[in-house]
N, C-alpha and C. Protein backbone atom coordinates (compact mmCIF):
# COMPACT_ATOMS: atom_id res chain seq x y z
N UNK A 1 0.85 -1.17 0.00
CA UNK A 1 0.00 0.00 0.00
C UNK A 1 0.89 1.23 0.00
N UNK A 2 0.55 2.19 -0.80
CA UNK A 2 1.30 3.44 -0.86
C UNK A 2 0.93 4.31 0.34
N UNK A 3 1.90 5.10 0.79
CA UNK A 3 1.67 6.01 1.91
C UNK A 3 0.55 6.99 1.56
N UNK A 4 0.54 7.45 0.32
CA UNK A 4 -0.49 8.39 -0.12
C UNK A 4 -1.88 7.77 0.05
N UNK A 5 -2.04 6.50 -0.35
CA UNK A 5 -3.33 5.81 -0.22
C UNK A 5 -3.74 5.69 1.24
N UNK A 6 -2.78 5.41 2.11
CA UNK A 6 -3.06 5.30 3.53
C UNK A 6 -3.53 6.64 4.10
N UNK A 7 -2.85 7.73 3.73
CA UNK A 7 -3.24 9.04 4.22
C UNK A 7 -4.62 9.46 3.70
N UNK A 8 -4.91 9.13 2.45
CA UNK A 8 -6.23 9.44 1.89
C UNK A 8 -7.31 8.66 2.62
N UNK A 9 -7.03 7.40 2.97
CA UNK A 9 -7.99 6.59 3.71
C UNK A 9 -8.28 7.21 5.08
N UNK A 10 -7.24 7.66 5.78
CA UNK A 10 -7.41 8.29 7.08
C UNK A 10 -8.20 9.59 6.93
N UNK A 11 -7.89 10.36 5.89
CA UNK A 11 -8.60 11.61 5.64
C UNK A 11 -10.09 11.35 5.42
N UNK A 12 -10.43 10.32 4.67
CA UNK A 12 -11.83 9.97 4.43
C UNK A 12 -12.52 9.56 5.73
N UNK A 13 -11.83 8.81 6.58
CA UNK A 13 -12.41 8.38 7.85
C UNK A 13 -12.70 9.58 8.75
N UNK A 14 -11.89 10.63 8.62
CA UNK A 14 -12.07 11.83 9.43
C UNK A 14 -12.97 12.85 8.72
N UNK A 15 -13.71 12.37 7.71
CA UNK A 15 -14.68 13.19 6.98
C UNK A 15 -14.02 14.43 6.39
N UNK A 16 -12.83 14.25 5.82
CA UNK A 16 -12.05 15.31 5.17
C UNK A 16 -11.76 16.49 6.08
N UNK A 17 -11.64 16.24 7.39
CA UNK A 17 -11.38 17.32 8.35
C UNK A 17 -9.89 17.66 8.45
N UNK A 18 -9.03 16.92 7.79
CA UNK A 18 -7.59 17.19 7.81
C UNK A 18 -7.10 17.41 6.39
N UNK A 19 -6.01 18.12 6.26
CA UNK A 19 -5.38 18.36 4.96
C UNK A 19 -4.07 17.58 4.91
N UNK A 20 -3.75 17.08 3.74
CA UNK A 20 -2.50 16.37 3.52
C UNK A 20 -1.57 17.30 2.75
N UNK A 21 -0.37 17.50 3.28
CA UNK A 21 0.61 18.36 2.63
C UNK A 21 1.87 17.54 2.37
N UNK A 22 2.30 17.51 1.13
CA UNK A 22 3.51 16.79 0.77
C UNK A 22 4.66 17.79 0.67
N UNK A 23 5.76 17.51 1.35
CA UNK A 23 6.91 18.40 1.38
C UNK A 23 8.05 17.75 0.61
N UNK A 24 8.72 18.53 -0.22
CA UNK A 24 9.84 18.02 -0.99
C UNK A 24 11.01 17.72 -0.06
N UNK A 25 11.67 16.57 -0.24
CA UNK A 25 12.81 16.24 0.64
C UNK A 25 13.96 17.24 0.46
N UNK A 26 14.72 17.44 1.56
CA UNK A 26 15.84 18.38 1.52
C UNK A 26 17.03 17.81 0.76
N UNK A 27 17.17 16.49 0.78
CA UNK A 27 18.33 15.86 0.15
C UNK A 27 17.89 15.00 -1.02
N UNK A 28 18.72 14.96 -2.03
CA UNK A 28 18.46 14.11 -3.18
C UNK A 28 19.35 12.88 -3.04
N UNK A 29 18.76 11.72 -2.85
CA UNK A 29 19.53 10.50 -2.63
C UNK A 29 19.75 9.73 -3.92
N UNK A 30 19.73 10.39 -5.03
CA UNK A 30 19.95 9.72 -6.31
C UNK A 30 21.44 9.44 -6.48
N UNK A 31 21.75 8.30 -7.09
CA UNK A 31 23.15 7.93 -7.30
C UNK A 31 23.82 8.82 -8.34
N UNK A 32 25.16 8.89 -8.28
CA UNK A 32 25.91 9.70 -9.24
C UNK A 32 26.50 8.85 -10.36
N UNK A 33 26.95 7.61 -10.02
CA UNK A 33 27.62 6.80 -11.04
C UNK A 33 26.88 5.48 -11.28
N UNK A 34 26.54 4.79 -10.21
CA UNK A 34 25.95 3.45 -10.37
C UNK A 34 24.68 3.30 -9.55
N UNK A 35 23.73 2.56 -10.07
CA UNK A 35 22.50 2.34 -9.31
C UNK A 35 22.63 1.21 -8.29
N UNK A 36 23.78 0.53 -8.24
CA UNK A 36 23.94 -0.61 -7.36
C UNK A 36 24.40 -0.19 -5.98
N UNK A 37 23.73 -0.69 -4.98
CA UNK A 37 24.06 -0.38 -3.61
C UNK A 37 24.02 -1.67 -2.80
N UNK A 38 25.04 -1.88 -1.99
CA UNK A 38 25.04 -3.05 -1.12
C UNK A 38 24.33 -2.68 0.18
N UNK A 39 23.20 -3.29 0.39
CA UNK A 39 22.44 -3.03 1.62
C UNK A 39 21.82 -4.36 2.06
N UNK A 40 22.55 -5.11 2.89
CA UNK A 40 22.01 -6.41 3.31
C UNK A 40 20.74 -6.22 4.14
N UNK A 41 19.78 -7.07 3.87
CA UNK A 41 18.51 -7.01 4.59
C UNK A 41 18.50 -8.08 5.66
N UNK A 42 18.69 -7.65 6.87
CA UNK A 42 18.67 -8.56 8.00
C UNK A 42 17.32 -8.35 8.68
N UNK A 43 16.38 -9.16 8.31
CA UNK A 43 15.02 -9.00 8.85
C UNK A 43 14.46 -10.37 9.19
N UNK A 44 13.52 -10.37 10.08
CA UNK A 44 12.84 -11.59 10.46
C UNK A 44 11.36 -11.40 10.19
N UNK A 45 10.77 -12.33 9.50
CA UNK A 45 9.34 -12.25 9.20
C UNK A 45 8.56 -12.71 10.42
N UNK A 46 7.64 -11.87 10.84
CA UNK A 46 6.80 -12.19 11.98
C UNK A 46 5.37 -12.36 11.48
N UNK A 47 4.79 -13.51 11.75
CA UNK A 47 3.44 -13.80 11.30
C UNK A 47 2.57 -14.04 12.52
N UNK A 48 1.48 -13.33 12.60
CA UNK A 48 0.56 -13.46 13.72
C UNK A 48 -0.55 -14.44 13.38
N UNK A 49 -1.12 -15.07 14.38
CA UNK A 49 -2.19 -16.04 14.15
C UNK A 49 -3.52 -15.35 13.87
N UNK A 50 -3.68 -14.13 14.35
CA UNK A 50 -4.93 -13.40 14.13
C UNK A 50 -4.70 -12.32 13.09
N UNK A 51 -5.79 -11.80 12.54
CA UNK A 51 -5.71 -10.80 11.49
C UNK A 51 -6.71 -9.68 11.77
N UNK A 52 -6.28 -8.46 11.56
CA UNK A 52 -7.16 -7.30 11.66
C UNK A 52 -6.92 -6.45 10.43
N UNK A 53 -7.98 -6.13 9.72
CA UNK A 53 -7.89 -5.30 8.52
C UNK A 53 -7.25 -3.95 8.88
N UNK A 54 -6.38 -3.44 8.02
CA UNK A 54 -5.68 -2.18 8.28
C UNK A 54 -6.67 -1.04 8.48
N UNK A 55 -7.65 -0.93 7.60
CA UNK A 55 -8.64 0.14 7.71
C UNK A 55 -9.43 0.04 9.00
N UNK A 56 -9.82 -1.17 9.39
CA UNK A 56 -10.56 -1.36 10.64
C UNK A 56 -9.70 -1.01 11.84
N UNK A 57 -8.42 -1.35 11.79
CA UNK A 57 -7.51 -1.02 12.89
C UNK A 57 -7.34 0.48 13.05
N UNK A 58 -7.19 1.20 11.94
CA UNK A 58 -7.06 2.65 11.99
C UNK A 58 -8.35 3.27 12.52
N UNK A 59 -9.50 2.76 12.06
CA UNK A 59 -10.80 3.26 12.52
C UNK A 59 -10.95 3.05 14.02
N UNK A 60 -10.58 1.88 14.52
CA UNK A 60 -10.65 1.62 15.97
C UNK A 60 -9.75 2.57 16.74
N UNK A 61 -8.58 2.86 16.21
CA UNK A 61 -7.65 3.77 16.86
C UNK A 61 -8.22 5.18 16.92
N UNK A 62 -8.81 5.64 15.81
CA UNK A 62 -9.42 6.98 15.77
C UNK A 62 -10.54 7.06 16.81
N UNK A 63 -11.35 6.02 16.92
CA UNK A 63 -12.41 6.00 17.93
C UNK A 63 -11.83 6.10 19.34
N UNK A 64 -10.75 5.36 19.60
CA UNK A 64 -10.12 5.39 20.91
C UNK A 64 -9.58 6.77 21.27
N UNK A 65 -8.93 7.42 20.30
CA UNK A 65 -8.41 8.76 20.54
C UNK A 65 -9.55 9.73 20.78
N UNK A 66 -10.62 9.61 20.00
CA UNK A 66 -11.77 10.50 20.19
C UNK A 66 -12.36 10.34 21.59
N UNK A 67 -12.53 9.10 22.01
CA UNK A 67 -13.12 8.85 23.33
C UNK A 67 -12.18 9.32 24.45
N UNK A 68 -10.87 9.26 24.21
CA UNK A 68 -9.91 9.72 25.22
C UNK A 68 -10.02 11.23 25.44
N UNK A 69 -10.21 11.97 24.35
CA UNK A 69 -10.29 13.42 24.45
C UNK A 69 -11.71 13.93 24.66
N UNK A 70 -12.69 13.06 24.51
CA UNK A 70 -14.10 13.42 24.72
C UNK A 70 -14.73 12.37 25.62
N UNK A 71 -14.35 12.33 26.89
CA UNK A 71 -14.89 11.29 27.78
C UNK A 71 -16.40 11.43 27.95
N UNK A 72 -17.02 10.31 28.30
CA UNK A 72 -18.46 10.32 28.53
C UNK A 72 -18.80 11.16 29.74
N UNK A 73 -19.89 11.92 29.67
CA UNK A 73 -20.27 12.74 30.82
C UNK A 73 -20.72 11.89 32.00
N UNK A 74 -20.48 12.37 33.21
CA UNK A 74 -20.89 11.64 34.40
C UNK A 74 -21.83 12.52 35.23
N UNK A 75 -22.67 11.88 36.00
CA UNK A 75 -23.59 12.58 36.88
C UNK A 75 -23.64 11.81 38.18
N UNK A 76 -23.16 12.39 39.26
CA UNK A 76 -23.09 11.73 40.57
C UNK A 76 -22.40 10.37 40.48
N UNK A 77 -21.31 10.32 39.72
CA UNK A 77 -20.52 9.10 39.63
C UNK A 77 -21.07 8.09 38.64
N UNK A 78 -22.21 8.35 38.01
CA UNK A 78 -22.78 7.44 37.02
C UNK A 78 -22.40 7.92 35.63
N UNK A 79 -22.03 7.00 34.78
CA UNK A 79 -21.66 7.36 33.40
C UNK A 79 -22.93 7.35 32.56
N UNK A 80 -23.17 8.45 31.87
CA UNK A 80 -24.31 8.53 30.96
C UNK A 80 -23.96 7.72 29.71
N UNK A 81 -24.91 6.97 29.20
CA UNK A 81 -24.67 6.11 28.04
C UNK A 81 -24.09 6.91 26.88
N UNK A 82 -23.28 6.23 26.08
CA UNK A 82 -22.62 6.85 24.92
C UNK A 82 -23.68 7.29 23.93
N UNK A 83 -23.75 8.60 23.69
CA UNK A 83 -24.72 9.13 22.73
C UNK A 83 -24.05 9.51 21.41
N UNK A 84 -22.73 9.37 21.36
CA UNK A 84 -22.01 9.70 20.12
C UNK A 84 -21.88 8.44 19.29
N UNK A 85 -22.23 8.52 18.05
CA UNK A 85 -22.08 7.37 17.15
C UNK A 85 -21.05 7.71 16.08
N UNK A 86 -20.39 6.71 15.54
CA UNK A 86 -19.38 6.89 14.53
C UNK A 86 -19.89 6.29 13.23
N UNK A 87 -19.61 6.98 12.13
CA UNK A 87 -19.96 6.44 10.82
C UNK A 87 -18.95 5.36 10.47
N UNK A 88 -19.40 4.31 9.83
CA UNK A 88 -18.47 3.29 9.32
C UNK A 88 -18.56 3.27 7.83
């Protein structure tokens, strides 16, 4: 998945309430003589037994952040039921 696609997905989930700004890099990492670079990849593949869709995971995270900054109102120690709903 491209980073641009990921950012557009998050923007759509937030009902276009954020703007995406792309900034040109300060350095040009293009080669001068040869395109060959030795860069050994020392990585270990980690596979989980469970699966969560990327979009659903981001949506759950956005909900969590929203609830953290907008806690449910309380009255005499009782929590009033959640009246805020999220679009899916």
